Amino acid sequence: MTLAEKLLQDFQALPDEKKRQVINFVEFLCAKQQQELEQMTDNSITENEEEFVELAKQCVRGR
């Protein structure tokens, strides 16, 4: 049995209120993952700001 099959089987056995809690938790995890990805992107941009500025200058000169 795959993880997805096990999860679905266990989920289907839950009462509706518990299913709602599971859905809320999954949504929380997705939002947290998105927030972490955005933070990593922001950090990368900040850490490489000089390189991005130089790249932008080269793009403008290349027109």
Protein backbone atom coordinates (compact mmCIF):
# COMPACT_ATOMS: atom_id res chain seq x y z
CA MET A 1 0.00 0.00 0.00
CA THR A 2 1.37 3.39 -0.96
CA LEU A 3 1.45 6.35 1.39
CA ALA A 4 -1.34 8.01 -0.59
CA GLU A 5 -3.51 4.91 -0.36
CA LYS A 6 -2.88 4.60 3.39
CA LEU A 7 -3.66 8.26 3.92
CA LEU A 8 -6.88 8.05 1.92
CA GLN A 9 -7.98 4.90 3.72
CA ASP A 10 -7.36 6.42 7.15
CA PHE A 11 -8.91 9.74 6.13
CA GLN A 12 -12.09 8.10 4.88
CA ALA A 13 -12.52 6.31 8.21
CA LEU A 14 -12.57 9.58 10.16
CA PRO A 15 -15.71 11.44 11.19
CA ASP A 16 -16.38 14.69 9.31
CA GLU A 17 -15.06 16.96 12.08
CA LYS A 18 -11.74 15.09 12.15
CA LYS A 19 -11.58 15.24 8.35
CA ARG A 20 -11.95 19.03 8.59
CA GLN A 21 -9.05 19.11 11.07
CA VAL A 22 -6.89 17.07 8.70
CA ILE A 23 -7.72 19.41 5.82
CA ASN A 24 -6.91 22.44 7.97
CA PHE A 25 -3.57 20.92 8.94
CA VAL A 26 -2.68 20.13 5.33
CA GLU A 27 -3.57 23.70 4.33
CA PHE A 28 -1.39 24.98 7.19
CA LEU A 29 1.54 22.86 5.99
CA CYS A 30 1.11 24.10 2.42
CA ALA A 31 0.99 27.72 3.55
CA LYS A 32 4.07 27.21 5.72
CA GLN A 33 5.94 25.62 2.82
CA GLN A 34 4.98 28.53 0.55
CA GLN A 35 6.12 31.03 3.18
CA GLU A 36 9.46 29.23 3.56
CA LEU A 37 9.94 29.23 -0.21
CA GLU A 38 9.18 32.94 -0.40
CA GLN A 39 11.65 33.62 2.43
CA MET A 40 14.36 31.61 0.66
CA THR A 41 13.70 33.57 -2.54
CA ASP A 42 13.84 36.89 -0.70
CA ASN A 43 17.10 35.87 1.00
CA SER A 44 18.62 34.80 -2.30
CA ILE A 45 17.70 38.11 -3.91
CA THR A 46 19.10 40.08 -0.97
CA GLU A 47 22.32 38.05 -0.88
CA ASN A 48 22.86 38.50 -4.63
CA GLU A 49 21.60 42.04 -5.06
CA GLU A 50 24.82 43.37 -6.59
CA GLU A 51 24.88 40.58 -9.18
CA PHE A 52 21.25 41.24 -10.11
CA VAL A 53 21.93 44.96 -10.52
CA GLU A 54 24.92 44.21 -12.77
CA LEU A 55 22.88 41.74 -14.80
CA ALA A 56 20.13 44.33 -15.24
CA LYS A 57 22.69 46.88 -16.45
CA GLN A 58 23.99 44.39 -19.01
CA CYS A 59 20.46 43.69 -20.23
CA VAL A 60 19.74 47.40 -20.68
CA ARG A 61 23.03 47.91 -22.58
CA GLY A 62 22.23 44.95 -24.81
CA ARG A 63 19.08 46.56 -26.19
